[in-house]
Protein backbone atom coordinates (compact mmCIF):
# COMPACT_ATOMS: atom_id res chain seq x y z
CA MET A 1 0.00 0.00 0.00
CA SER A 2 2.93 2.33 0.64
CA LYS A 3 3.77 2.29 -3.10
CA TRP A 4 0.27 3.48 -3.97
CA LYS A 5 0.13 6.23 -1.36
CA PRO A 6 1.99 8.90 -3.45
CA ALA A 7 -0.01 7.99 -6.55
CA LEU A 8 -3.30 8.14 -4.64
CA PHE A 9 -2.32 11.51 -3.13
CA ALA A 10 -1.46 12.86 -6.59
CA LEU A 11 -4.79 11.63 -7.99
CA VAL A 12 -6.78 13.26 -5.17
CA ALA A 13 -4.83 16.51 -5.59
CA LEU A 14 -5.52 16.50 -9.34
CA MET A 15 -9.23 15.91 -8.76
CA VAL A 16 -9.44 18.78 -6.26
CA PHE A 17 -7.60 21.07 -8.68
CA MET A 18 -9.96 20.17 -11.55
CA VAL A 19 -13.15 20.45 -9.46
CA ARG A 20 -12.18 23.68 -7.68
CA PRO A 21 -13.44 26.03 -10.47
CA ALA A 22 -16.94 24.59 -10.02
CA PHE A 23 -16.93 25.99 -6.48
CA ALA A 24 -15.41 29.32 -7.44
CA GLU A 25 -17.18 32.54 -6.54
CA SER A 26 -19.81 33.64 -9.06
CA SER A 27 -18.67 36.24 -11.56
CA CYS A 28 -19.44 37.50 -15.03
CA LYS A 29 -16.32 35.71 -16.32
CA SER A 30 -18.29 32.45 -16.39
CA GLY A 31 -20.44 33.79 -19.25
CA LYS A 32 -23.49 32.17 -17.67
CA PHE A 33 -25.25 35.49 -16.98
CA PHE A 34 -26.58 36.14 -20.50
CA GLY A 35 -30.36 36.30 -20.56
CA SER A 36 -33.34 38.20 -19.26
CA TYR A 37 -33.63 39.45 -15.67
CA THR A 38 -36.56 41.19 -14.02
CA GLN A 39 -37.04 43.43 -11.01
CA ALA A 40 -40.59 44.29 -9.90
CA THR A 41 -41.50 47.30 -7.77
CA LEU A 42 -44.89 48.14 -6.29
CA PHE A 43 -45.74 51.81 -6.75
CA THR A 44 -48.42 52.74 -4.21
CA ASP A 45 -50.77 55.67 -4.68
CA LEU A 46 -49.72 56.23 -8.29
CA TRP A 47 -51.39 59.65 -8.51
CA GLY A 48 -50.05 60.75 -5.11
CA ASP A 49 -53.47 61.99 -4.04
CA GLY A 50 -54.61 59.22 -1.74
CA SER A 51 -56.79 57.61 -4.41
CA GLY A 52 -55.11 54.25 -3.73
CA VAL A 53 -54.19 53.38 -7.31
CA ASP A 54 -51.33 50.86 -7.05
CA HIS A 55 -49.29 49.41 -9.92
CA THR A 56 -46.57 46.78 -9.88
CA LEU A 57 -44.09 47.84 -12.55
CA VAL A 58 -41.31 45.67 -13.95
CA SER A 59 -37.83 46.43 -15.27
CA GLN A 60 -36.69 43.75 -17.71
CA LEU A 61 -32.92 43.75 -18.26
CA ASN A 62 -31.77 41.73 -21.30
CA LEU A 63 -28.04 40.95 -21.53
CA HIS A 64 -26.88 39.57 -24.89
CA SER A 65 -23.75 37.54 -25.59
CA ASP A 66 -22.54 40.15 -28.13
CA GLY A 67 -22.03 42.75 -25.37
CA THR A 68 -25.28 44.66 -25.95
CA VAL A 69 -28.02 45.32 -23.42
CA ILE A 70 -31.57 46.61 -23.50
CA GLU A 71 -33.77 47.39 -20.52
CA VAL A 72 -37.51 47.94 -20.84
CA PHE A 73 -39.56 49.41 -17.99
CA SER A 74 -43.28 48.64 -17.98
CA GLY A 75 -43.98 51.97 -16.28
CA THR A 76 -42.67 54.01 -19.22
CA PRO A 77 -46.05 54.43 -20.96
CA ASP A 78 -48.02 54.56 -17.68
CA ILE A 79 -49.89 57.92 -17.56
CA MET A 80 -47.60 59.32 -20.27
CA LEU A 81 -49.90 62.20 -21.21
CA SER A 82 -49.94 63.37 -17.59
CA ALA A 83 -46.44 62.56 -16.41
CA GLY A 84 -44.33 61.95 -19.51
CA SER A 85 -42.62 58.92 -20.97
CA GLY A 86 -39.28 57.59 -22.13
CA THR A 87 -37.48 55.20 -24.41
CA PRO A 88 -36.11 51.77 -23.55
CA ALA A 89 -32.56 51.94 -22.19
CA VAL A 90 -30.05 50.59 -24.72
CA GLY A 91 -26.32 50.15 -24.37
CA SER A 92 -23.58 47.67 -23.61
CA TRP A 93 -22.04 45.61 -20.83
CA GLN A 94 -18.47 44.73 -19.87
CA CYS A 95 -17.00 42.20 -17.47
CA ARG A 96 -14.45 43.81 -15.12
CA GLN A 97 -11.24 42.10 -13.92
CA ASP A 98 -12.85 41.57 -10.50
CA GLY A 99 -15.73 39.60 -12.05
CA LYS A 100 -18.32 42.35 -11.64
CA LEU A 101 -20.54 43.42 -14.50
CA VAL A 102 -20.63 47.04 -15.72
CA VAL A 103 -23.72 48.08 -17.71
CA THR A 104 -23.98 51.47 -19.46
CA THR A 105 -27.22 52.54 -21.14
CA LEU A 106 -28.76 55.58 -22.80
CA THR A 107 -32.39 56.60 -22.54
CA THR A 108 -34.50 59.66 -23.36
CA ASN A 109 -37.26 61.22 -21.26
CA TYR A 110 -40.23 63.17 -22.55
CA VAL A 111 -42.80 65.41 -20.86
CA PRO A 112 -46.29 66.51 -21.92
CA THR A 113 -46.66 69.79 -23.80
CA ASN A 114 -49.54 71.79 -25.27
CA ASP A 115 -47.25 73.85 -27.52
CA ALA A 116 -47.81 72.02 -30.84
CA ALA A 117 -50.46 74.53 -31.96
CA LEU A 118 -47.99 77.40 -31.39
CA HIS A 119 -45.70 75.84 -33.99
CA GLY A 120 -48.21 75.47 -36.80
CA VAL A 121 -49.76 72.12 -35.91
CA PRO A 122 -53.47 72.86 -35.39
CA ASN A 123 -55.95 70.76 -33.40
CA VAL A 124 -53.30 68.78 -31.53
CA PRO A 125 -54.07 67.70 -27.97
CA THR A 126 -51.35 67.25 -25.37
CA ASP A 127 -48.21 65.83 -26.98
CA LEU A 128 -44.77 64.76 -25.74
CA ILE A 129 -41.52 66.71 -26.10
CA LEU A 130 -37.89 65.81 -25.28
CA LEU A 131 -36.93 66.93 -21.78
CA PHE A 132 -33.50 65.30 -21.27
CA ASN A 133 -31.29 62.32 -22.13
CA VAL A 134 -29.70 60.10 -19.51
CA ARG A 135 -26.55 57.98 -19.58
CA THR A 136 -26.60 55.49 -16.70
CA THR A 137 -23.74 53.25 -15.55
CA ARG A 138 -24.49 50.42 -13.11
CA LEU A 139 -22.30 47.88 -11.36
CA PHE A 140 -23.70 44.38 -10.79
CA SER A 141 -22.44 41.40 -8.84
CA VAL A 142 -23.29 38.02 -10.30
CA THR A 143 -24.84 36.61 -7.14
CA ASP A 144 -25.61 33.19 -8.62
CA ASP A 145 -26.70 31.65 -11.94
CA ASN A 146 -30.14 33.29 -11.66
CA THR A 147 -29.51 36.53 -9.76
CA LEU A 148 -27.73 39.79 -10.51
CA THR A 149 -27.42 42.37 -7.74
CA ARG A 150 -26.97 46.02 -8.63
CA THR A 151 -24.56 47.48 -6.08
CA GLN A 152 -23.92 50.92 -7.58
CA SER A 153 -25.62 53.23 -10.06
CA ARG A 154 -24.77 56.68 -11.35
CA SER A 155 -26.13 58.73 -14.21
CA ARG A 156 -25.42 61.82 -16.25
CA ARG A 157 -28.28 64.02 -17.36
CA TYR A 158 -28.02 65.80 -20.70
CA THR A 159 -30.08 68.74 -21.94
CA PRO A 160 -31.83 68.31 -25.31
CA THR A 161 -28.92 70.11 -27.02
CA GLN A 162 -26.11 68.08 -25.41
CA ASP A 163 -24.65 64.86 -26.87
CA PRO A 164 -25.58 61.92 -24.58
CA THR A 165 -22.91 59.73 -26.16
CA ASP A 166 -20.21 62.02 -24.69
CA PRO A 167 -19.19 60.33 -21.39
CA THR A 168 -17.82 63.57 -19.93
CA ALA A 169 -20.63 65.99 -20.84
CA GLY A 170 -23.93 66.50 -19.08
CA THR A 171 -24.45 66.81 -15.35
CA LEU A 172 -23.17 64.00 -13.14
CA ARG A 173 -25.78 62.87 -10.62
CA PRO A 174 -25.12 61.45 -7.11
CA LEU A 175 -23.91 57.87 -6.63
CA ASN A 176 -26.66 55.41 -5.64
CA THR A 177 -25.44 52.45 -3.57
CA THR A 178 -28.84 50.88 -2.83
CA ALA A 179 -28.66 47.14 -3.59
CA VAL A 180 -31.32 45.91 -6.02
CA SER A 181 -31.72 42.26 -7.07
CA TYR A 182 -32.70 41.21 -10.57
CA LYS A 183 -33.94 37.63 -10.99
CA ARG A 184 -33.55 35.62 -14.17
CA LEU A 185 -36.81 35.16 -16.06
CA LEU A 186 -36.83 31.38 -16.42
CA ALA A 187 -38.69 29.64 -19.21
CA SER A 188 -41.13 27.06 -17.86
CA ASP A 189 -43.82 24.89 -19.36
CA ALA A 190 -45.60 24.50 -15.98
CA ASP A 191 -48.65 26.51 -17.12
CA LEU A 192 -48.89 24.43 -20.29
CA LEU A 193 -48.92 21.21 -18.24
CA ALA A 194 -51.41 22.45 -15.62
CA PRO A 195 -54.86 20.79 -15.68
């Protein structure tokens, strides 16, 4: 048995070395984070007047393997003629050396206006007009195969005349360090198989 002891030790050491990456800390370097993630938020008293209108609104973050990202917020068209609207956030992602995921997106916000008639467009009700553009950069930790956690977020706000693709222009907003979890939207045939 003493002859086999070094060989057995070497075999066990090799197995531990090969299996170790499976137990490694989650990171974006694994490439397993591509897909669609959602984060739902309940907005109570939507009108802010005590009327009790509540809406659960969802952010859907889609990370593609080609480095692009799009985020759609279900609240964007909610009461757009009263409160304004916006575009989906589009941009790109990058995996940092430390395994954290950086996501940068651009979006545009609009507000209601009654000025269309002043500019030669008769009989137009309330319309939307560009208010500002936003460039947002967020830092995510890959918590596990089905969860991303936003740990930091910061944006730049651009006036309608400023170029939102310029990373140094606009007005830099405060850093947000509130943690927000996004869960992977998993495909399931459970509803199809239900009686």
